[in-house]
Amino acid sequence: FFLPFTLCFIVPNILKMAPWIWDNIKVLFYWWLASAPLVALLLARLWRQGNVKRVVAIVLLASITAAGALDVASIVLRSTTYQVFDSSGIQFAELIKQQTQPRALVMHAPVHNHPVFLTGRRSLMGYPGHIWTHGLDFVERESEIRRVYAGAPDAGTILRKYGVAYAVVSPLERNIMNVNEQFFSKFEIVGEVGGYRLYKITQP
């Protein structure tokens, strides 16, 4: 019974099974799942074998839970806080849901915390760090998105290529890309919240 799960422990500790080696934990988890009941049975058996063995059981239980407890404590007691979405971004996400179709394709900055991700709308490209961990090639598309925001000569061709329906210009785009405001001025603004602006891309 336990042999296949043993392989789930050995192989991820020897081979890199994903572009991001941390993803090996997804395989290690199955070994842990099978091991937990066996460890519980061992501790229960020690508990029934007298006072000395009970002390051993307590020490073992403390040792196998201490690492996890320390990890959780470090998160709970951490003083640093992180803001993923600001209030304007959350309001802008609601605006997108009101002004766009459920299957609309939206172009925006490839960052991890874009309000578009709160809308359920399709994104031309997500966060490169997440895409890379799945082994997908994103370099060409990221380059194309940057060219569109810069108003490059082939910007219109790229928008038609993917069938982009809407584009976002916000502090997130301006922070990581060169945004050509004049290029986007020819498109209709369908909504704006704070520094977030939604353009409707009309294809010729």
C-alpha atoms as a PDB file:
ATOM      1  CA  PHE A   1       0.000   0.000   0.000  1.00  0.00           C
ATOM      2  CA  PHE A   2       2.664   2.495   1.006  1.00  0.00           C
ATOM      3  CA  LEU A   3       5.208   1.785  -1.766  1.00  0.00           C
ATOM      4  CA  PRO A   4       3.693   4.104  -4.423  1.00  0.00           C
ATOM      5  CA  PHE A   5       3.558   6.893  -1.872  1.00  0.00           C
ATOM      6  CA  THR A   6       7.213   6.282  -1.012  1.00  0.00           C
ATOM      7  CA  LEU A   7       8.014   7.052  -4.642  1.00  0.00           C
ATOM      8  CA  CYS A   8       6.049  10.281  -4.213  1.00  0.00           C
ATOM      9  CA  PHE A   9       8.612  11.185  -1.558  1.00  0.00           C
ATOM     10  CA  ILE A  10      11.805   9.974  -3.247  1.00  0.00           C
ATOM     11  CA  VAL A  11      11.270  11.220  -6.804  1.00  0.00           C
ATOM     12  CA  PRO A  12      10.457  14.893  -5.988  1.00  0.00           C
ATOM     13  CA  ASN A  13      13.533  15.008  -3.749  1.00  0.00           C
ATOM     14  CA  ILE A  14      15.753  13.907  -6.639  1.00  0.00           C
ATOM     15  CA  LEU A  15      14.155  15.278  -9.806  1.00  0.00           C
ATOM     16  CA  LYS A  16      12.887  18.724 -10.714  1.00  0.00           C
ATOM     17  CA  MET A  17       9.333  18.027 -11.866  1.00  0.00           C
ATOM     18  CA  ALA A  18       8.265  21.575 -12.772  1.00  0.00           C
ATOM     19  CA  PRO A  19       9.931  24.826 -13.908  1.00  0.00           C
ATOM     20  CA  TRP A  20       9.602  26.125 -10.335  1.00  0.00           C
ATOM     21  CA  ILE A  21      11.058  23.485  -8.030  1.00  0.00           C
ATOM     22  CA  TRP A  22       8.704  24.493  -5.189  1.00  0.00           C
ATOM     23  CA  ASP A  23       5.903  22.888  -7.233  1.00  0.00           C
ATOM     24  CA  ASN A  24       7.433  19.491  -6.352  1.00  0.00           C
ATOM     25  CA  ILE A  25       5.493  19.854  -3.107  1.00  0.00           C
ATOM     26  CA  LYS A  26       2.338  19.007  -5.056  1.00  0.00           C
ATOM     27  CA  VAL A  27       3.687  15.457  -5.401  1.00  0.00           C
ATOM     28  CA  LEU A  28       5.163  15.311  -1.900  1.00  0.00           C
ATOM     29  CA  PHE A  29       1.714  16.085  -0.521  1.00  0.00           C
ATOM     30  CA  TYR A  30       0.445  12.632  -1.537  1.00  0.00           C
ATOM     31  CA  TRP A  31       3.268  11.010   0.454  1.00  0.00           C
ATOM     32  CA  TRP A  32       2.336  13.135   3.464  1.00  0.00           C
ATOM     33  CA  LEU A  33      -1.347  12.218   3.071  1.00  0.00           C
ATOM     34  CA  ALA A  34      -0.539   8.501   3.173  1.00  0.00           C
ATOM     35  CA  SER A  35       2.016   8.870   5.970  1.00  0.00           C
ATOM     36  CA  ALA A  36      -0.166  10.822   8.389  1.00  0.00           C
ATOM     37  CA  PRO A  37      -2.463   7.874   9.334  1.00  0.00           C
ATOM     38  CA  LEU A  38       0.540   5.560   9.772  1.00  0.00           C
ATOM     39  CA  VAL A  39       2.264   8.047  12.065  1.00  0.00           C
ATOM     40  CA  ALA A  40      -0.974   8.443  14.035  1.00  0.00           C
ATOM     41  CA  LEU A  41      -1.192   4.653  14.452  1.00  0.00           C
ATOM     42  CA  LEU A  42       2.420   4.518  15.645  1.00  0.00           C
ATOM     43  CA  LEU A  43       1.823   7.240  18.231  1.00  0.00           C
ATOM     44  CA  ALA A  44      -1.352   5.519  19.439  1.00  0.00           C
ATOM     45  CA  ARG A  45       0.521   2.225  19.860  1.00  0.00           C
ATOM     46  CA  LEU A  46       3.282   3.919  21.853  1.00  0.00           C
ATOM     47  CA  TRP A  47       0.658   5.605  24.039  1.00  0.00           C
ATOM     48  CA  ARG A  48      -0.809   2.225  24.996  1.00  0.00           C
ATOM     49  CA  GLN A  49       2.557   0.735  26.011  1.00  0.00           C
ATOM     50  CA  GLY A  50       3.090   2.392  29.372  1.00  0.00           C
ATOM     51  CA  ASN A  51       4.318   5.645  30.853  1.00  0.00           C
ATOM     52  CA  VAL A  52       7.795   5.654  29.279  1.00  0.00           C
ATOM     53  CA  LYS A  53       6.410   5.061  25.794  1.00  0.00           C
ATOM     54  CA  ARG A  54       3.797   7.746  26.424  1.00  0.00           C
ATOM     55  CA  VAL A  55       6.561  10.263  27.036  1.00  0.00           C
ATOM     56  CA  VAL A  56       8.190   9.165  23.780  1.00  0.00           C
ATOM     57  CA  ALA A  57       4.864   9.591  21.971  1.00  0.00           C
ATOM     58  CA  ILE A  58       4.461  13.103  23.367  1.00  0.00           C
ATOM     59  CA  VAL A  59       8.003  14.084  22.348  1.00  0.00           C
ATOM     60  CA  LEU A  60       7.508  12.707  18.841  1.00  0.00           C
ATOM     61  CA  LEU A  61       4.164  14.467  18.451  1.00  0.00           C
ATOM     62  CA  ALA A  62       5.690  17.755  19.602  1.00  0.00           C
ATOM     63  CA  SER A  63       8.626  17.397  17.219  1.00  0.00           C
ATOM     64  CA  ILE A  64       6.519  16.690  14.134  1.00  0.00           C
ATOM     65  CA  THR A  65       4.130  19.560  14.827  1.00  0.00           C
ATOM     66  CA  ALA A  66       6.688  22.164  15.933  1.00  0.00           C
ATOM     67  CA  ALA A  67       7.846  23.034  12.410  1.00  0.00           C
ATOM     68  CA  GLY A  68       4.325  23.657  11.189  1.00  0.00           C
ATOM     69  CA  ALA A  69       3.434  25.595  14.330  1.00  0.00           C
ATOM     70  CA  LEU A  70       6.465  27.859  13.915  1.00  0.00           C
ATOM     71  CA  ASP A  71       5.562  28.488  10.277  1.00  0.00           C
ATOM     72  CA  VAL A  72       1.981  29.418  11.148  1.00  0.00           C
ATOM     73  CA  ALA A  73       3.137  31.587  14.055  1.00  0.00           C
ATOM     74  CA  SER A  74       5.533  33.525  11.827  1.00  0.00           C
ATOM     75  CA  ILE A  75       2.617  34.396   9.533  1.00  0.00           C
ATOM     76  CA  VAL A  76       0.145  35.234  12.304  1.00  0.00           C
ATOM     77  CA  LEU A  77       2.609  37.405  14.220  1.00  0.00           C
ATOM     78  CA  ARG A  78       4.039  39.143  11.154  1.00  0.00           C
ATOM     79  CA  SER A  79       3.684  42.919  11.467  1.00  0.00           C
ATOM     80  CA  THR A  80       4.040  43.660   7.749  1.00  0.00           C
ATOM     81  CA  THR A  81       0.797  43.909   5.803  1.00  0.00           C
ATOM     82  CA  TYR A  82       0.362  43.713   2.047  1.00  0.00           C
ATOM     83  CA  GLN A  83      -2.292  45.393  -0.050  1.00  0.00           C
ATOM     84  CA  VAL A  84      -3.173  43.501  -3.214  1.00  0.00           C
ATOM     85  CA  PHE A  85      -5.993  45.703  -4.538  1.00  0.00           C
ATOM     86  CA  ASP A  86      -6.593  49.333  -3.616  1.00  0.00           C
ATOM     87  CA  SER A  87     -10.099  50.771  -3.237  1.00  0.00           C
ATOM     88  CA  SER A  88     -10.011  52.380  -6.688  1.00  0.00           C
ATOM     89  CA  GLY A  89      -9.008  49.066  -8.224  1.00  0.00           C
ATOM     90  CA  ILE A  90     -11.906  47.264  -6.552  1.00  0.00           C
ATOM     91  CA  GLN A  91     -14.361  49.912  -7.755  1.00  0.00           C
ATOM     92  CA  PHE A  92     -12.865  49.704 -11.230  1.00  0.00           C
ATOM     93  CA  ALA A  93     -13.392  45.939 -11.262  1.00  0.00           C
ATOM     94  CA  GLU A  94     -17.087  46.519 -10.581  1.00  0.00           C
ATOM     95  CA  LEU A  95     -17.187  49.029 -13.428  1.00  0.00           C
ATOM     96  CA  ILE A  96     -15.664  46.474 -15.805  1.00  0.00           C
ATOM     97  CA  LYS A  97     -18.296  43.913 -14.838  1.00  0.00           C
ATOM     98  CA  GLN A  98     -21.036  46.440 -15.550  1.00  0.00           C
ATOM     99  CA  GLN A  99     -19.643  47.725 -18.856  1.00  0.00           C
ATOM    100  CA  THR A 100     -18.345  44.548 -20.522  1.00  0.00           C
ATOM    101  CA  GLN A 101     -19.672  41.202 -21.682  1.00  0.00           C
ATOM    102  CA  PRO A 102     -18.857  38.111 -19.568  1.00  0.00           C
ATOM    103  CA  ARG A 103     -16.531  36.685 -22.254  1.00  0.00           C
ATOM    104  CA  ALA A 104     -14.891  39.983 -23.211  1.00  0.00           C
ATOM    105  CA  LEU A 105     -11.120  39.894 -23.753  1.00  0.00           C
ATOM    106  CA  VAL A 106      -9.334  42.641 -21.823  1.00  0.00           C
ATOM    107  CA  MET A 107      -5.755  43.796 -22.348  1.00  0.00           C
ATOM    108  CA  HIS A 108      -3.915  45.119 -19.303  1.00  0.00           C
ATOM    109  CA  ALA A 109      -0.517  45.159 -17.633  1.00  0.00           C
ATOM    110  CA  PRO A 110       0.821  41.638 -16.946  1.00  0.00           C
ATOM    111  CA  VAL A 111       0.974  42.003 -13.165  1.00  0.00           C
ATOM    112  CA  HIS A 112      -0.265  39.770 -10.347  1.00  0.00           C
ATOM    113  CA  ASN A 113      -2.693  42.252  -8.804  1.00  0.00           C
ATOM    114  CA  HIS A 114      -4.638  43.750 -11.686  1.00  0.00           C
ATOM    115  CA  PRO A 115      -8.331  44.526 -10.992  1.00  0.00           C
ATOM    116  CA  VAL A 116      -9.299  42.660 -14.171  1.00  0.00           C
ATOM    117  CA  PHE A 117      -8.659  39.439 -12.241  1.00  0.00           C
ATOM    118  CA  LEU A 118     -11.604  40.311  -9.980  1.00  0.00           C
ATOM    119  CA  THR A 119     -14.051  40.500 -12.876  1.00  0.00           C
ATOM    120  CA  GLY A 120     -14.149  37.013 -14.377  1.00  0.00           C
ATOM    121  CA  ARG A 121     -13.326  38.514 -17.777  1.00  0.00           C
ATOM    122  CA  ARG A 122     -10.738  36.964 -20.061  1.00  0.00           C
ATOM    123  CA  SER A 123      -7.263  38.449 -19.847  1.00  0.00           C
ATOM    124  CA  LEU A 124      -4.899  38.752 -22.790  1.00  0.00           C
ATOM    125  CA  MET A 125      -2.034  37.836 -20.483  1.00  0.00           C
ATOM    126  CA  GLY A 126      -1.722  37.133 -16.789  1.00  0.00           C
ATOM    127  CA  TYR A 127       1.246  37.432 -14.480  1.00  0.00           C
ATOM    128  CA  PRO A 128       4.478  36.107 -16.096  1.00  0.00           C
ATOM    129  CA  GLY A 129       5.606  34.577 -12.803  1.00  0.00           C
ATOM    130  CA  HIS A 130       2.529  32.339 -12.719  1.00  0.00           C
ATOM    131  CA  ILE A 131       2.682  31.521 -16.422  1.00  0.00           C
ATOM    132  CA  TRP A 132       6.348  30.508 -16.156  1.00  0.00           C
ATOM    133  CA  THR A 133       5.650  27.998 -13.388  1.00  0.00           C
ATOM    134  CA  HIS A 134       3.366  26.130 -15.808  1.00  0.00           C
ATOM    135  CA  GLY A 135       6.108  25.940 -18.444  1.00  0.00           C
ATOM    136  CA  LEU A 136       4.289  28.184 -20.926  1.00  0.00           C
ATOM    137  CA  ASP A 137       6.064  30.593 -23.281  1.00  0.00           C
ATOM    138  CA  PHE A 138       4.878  34.159 -22.710  1.00  0.00           C
ATOM    139  CA  VAL A 139       7.757  36.227 -24.111  1.00  0.00           C
ATOM    140  CA  GLU A 140       6.215  36.960 -27.516  1.00  0.00           C
ATOM    141  CA  ARG A 141       2.818  37.953 -26.147  1.00  0.00           C
ATOM    142  CA  GLU A 142       4.333  40.164 -23.471  1.00  0.00           C
ATOM    143  CA  SER A 143       6.387  41.901 -26.148  1.00  0.00           C
ATOM    144  CA  GLU A 144       3.271  42.421 -28.273  1.00  0.00           C
ATOM    145  CA  ILE A 145       1.370  43.939 -25.340  1.00  0.00           C
ATOM    146  CA  ARG A 146       4.214  46.350 -24.693  1.00  0.00           C
ATOM    147  CA  ARG A 147       4.215  47.365 -28.368  1.00  0.00           C
ATOM    148  CA  VAL A 148       0.487  48.074 -28.277  1.00  0.00           C
ATOM    149  CA  TYR A 149       0.776  50.276 -25.202  1.00  0.00           C
ATOM    150  CA  ALA A 150       3.681  52.115 -26.804  1.00  0.00           C
ATOM    151  CA  GLY A 151       1.528  52.765 -29.872  1.00  0.00           C
ATOM    152  CA  ALA A 152       3.872  50.897 -32.218  1.00  0.00           C
ATOM    153  CA  PRO A 153       3.042  50.779 -35.957  1.00  0.00           C
ATOM    154  CA  ASP A 154       1.777  47.189 -35.626  1.00  0.00           C
ATOM    155  CA  ALA A 155      -0.381  47.920 -32.550  1.00  0.00           C
ATOM    156  CA  GLY A 156      -3.632  47.737 -34.512  1.00  0.00           C
ATOM    157  CA  THR A 157      -2.588  44.472 -36.119  1.00  0.00           C
ATOM    158  CA  ILE A 158      -1.862  42.941 -32.713  1.00  0.00           C
ATOM    159  CA  LEU A 159      -5.229  44.043 -31.322  1.00  0.00           C
ATOM    160  CA  ARG A 160      -7.013  42.454 -34.297  1.00  0.00           C
ATOM    161  CA  LYS A 161      -4.887  39.314 -34.041  1.00  0.00           C
ATOM    162  CA  TYR A 162      -6.181  38.529 -30.555  1.00  0.00           C
ATOM    163  CA  GLY A 163      -9.603  40.128 -30.841  1.00  0.00           C
ATOM    164  CA  VAL A 164      -9.055  42.474 -27.908  1.00  0.00           C
ATOM    165  CA  ALA A 165     -12.351  44.095 -26.893  1.00  0.00           C
ATOM    166  CA  TYR A 166     -11.161  46.404 -24.110  1.00  0.00           C
ATOM    167  CA  ALA A 167      -7.898  47.868 -22.838  1.00  0.00           C
ATOM    168  CA  VAL A 168      -7.003  49.295 -19.446  1.00  0.00           C
ATOM    169  CA  VAL A 169      -4.731  52.262 -18.845  1.00  0.00           C
ATOM    170  CA  SER A 170      -3.942  52.778 -15.179  1.00  0.00           C
ATOM    171  CA  PRO A 171      -1.019  53.337 -12.796  1.00  0.00           C
ATOM    172  CA  LEU A 172      -0.220  49.624 -13.143  1.00  0.00           C
ATOM    173  CA  GLU A 173       0.358  49.954 -16.889  1.00  0.00           C
ATOM    174  CA  ARG A 174       2.286  53.210 -16.551  1.00  0.00           C
ATOM    175  CA  ASN A 175       4.463  51.702 -13.836  1.00  0.00           C
ATOM    176  CA  ILE A 176       5.927  48.915 -15.982  1.00  0.00           C
ATOM    177  CA  MET A 177       5.371  50.047 -19.579  1.00  0.00           C
ATOM    178  CA  ASN A 178       5.664  53.041 -21.864  1.00  0.00           C
ATOM    179  CA  VAL A 179       2.036  54.108 -22.403  1.00  0.00           C
ATOM    180  CA  ASN A 180       1.267  56.184 -25.489  1.00  0.00           C
ATOM    181  CA  GLU A 181      -1.728  58.229 -24.351  1.00  0.00           C
ATOM    182  CA  GLN A 182      -2.197  59.676 -27.839  1.00  0.00           C
ATOM    183  CA  PHE A 183      -2.634  56.190 -29.315  1.00  0.00           C
ATOM    184  CA  PHE A 184      -5.395  55.336 -26.844  1.00  0.00           C
ATOM    185  CA  SER A 185      -7.123  58.702 -27.267  1.00  0.00           C
ATOM    186  CA  LYS A 186      -8.717  57.458 -30.496  1.00  0.00           C
ATOM    187  CA  PHE A 187     -10.680  54.815 -28.570  1.00  0.00           C
ATOM    188  CA  GLU A 188     -13.867  55.390 -26.588  1.00  0.00           C
ATOM    189  CA  ILE A 189     -13.563  55.665 -22.803  1.00  0.00           C
ATOM    190  CA  VAL A 190     -16.352  53.533 -21.358  1.00  0.00           C
ATOM    191  CA  GLY A 191     -15.496  54.070 -17.716  1.00  0.00           C
ATOM    192  CA  GLU A 192     -13.003  55.633 -15.331  1.00  0.00           C
ATOM    193  CA  VAL A 193     -12.354  55.302 -11.609  1.00  0.00           C
ATOM    194  CA  GLY A 194      -9.531  57.194  -9.976  1.00  0.00           C
ATOM    195  CA  GLY A 195      -6.505  56.619 -12.171  1.00  0.00           C
ATOM    196  CA  TYR A 196      -8.022  53.543 -13.855  1.00  0.00           C
ATOM    197  CA  ARG A 197      -9.468  53.993 -17.347  1.00  0.00           C
ATOM    198  CA  LEU A 198     -11.252  51.449 -19.554  1.00  0.00           C
ATOM    199  CA  TYR A 199     -11.131  51.837 -23.339  1.00  0.00           C
ATOM    200  CA  LYS A 200     -13.370  50.056 -25.821  1.00  0.00           C
ATOM    201  CA  ILE A 201     -11.281  48.764 -28.705  1.00  0.00           C
ATOM    202  CA  THR A 202     -13.111  49.226 -31.997  1.00  0.00           C
ATOM    203  CA  GLN A 203     -11.736  47.079 -34.793  1.00  0.00           C
ATOM    204  CA  PRO A 204     -11.761  48.589 -38.316  1.00  0.00           C
END
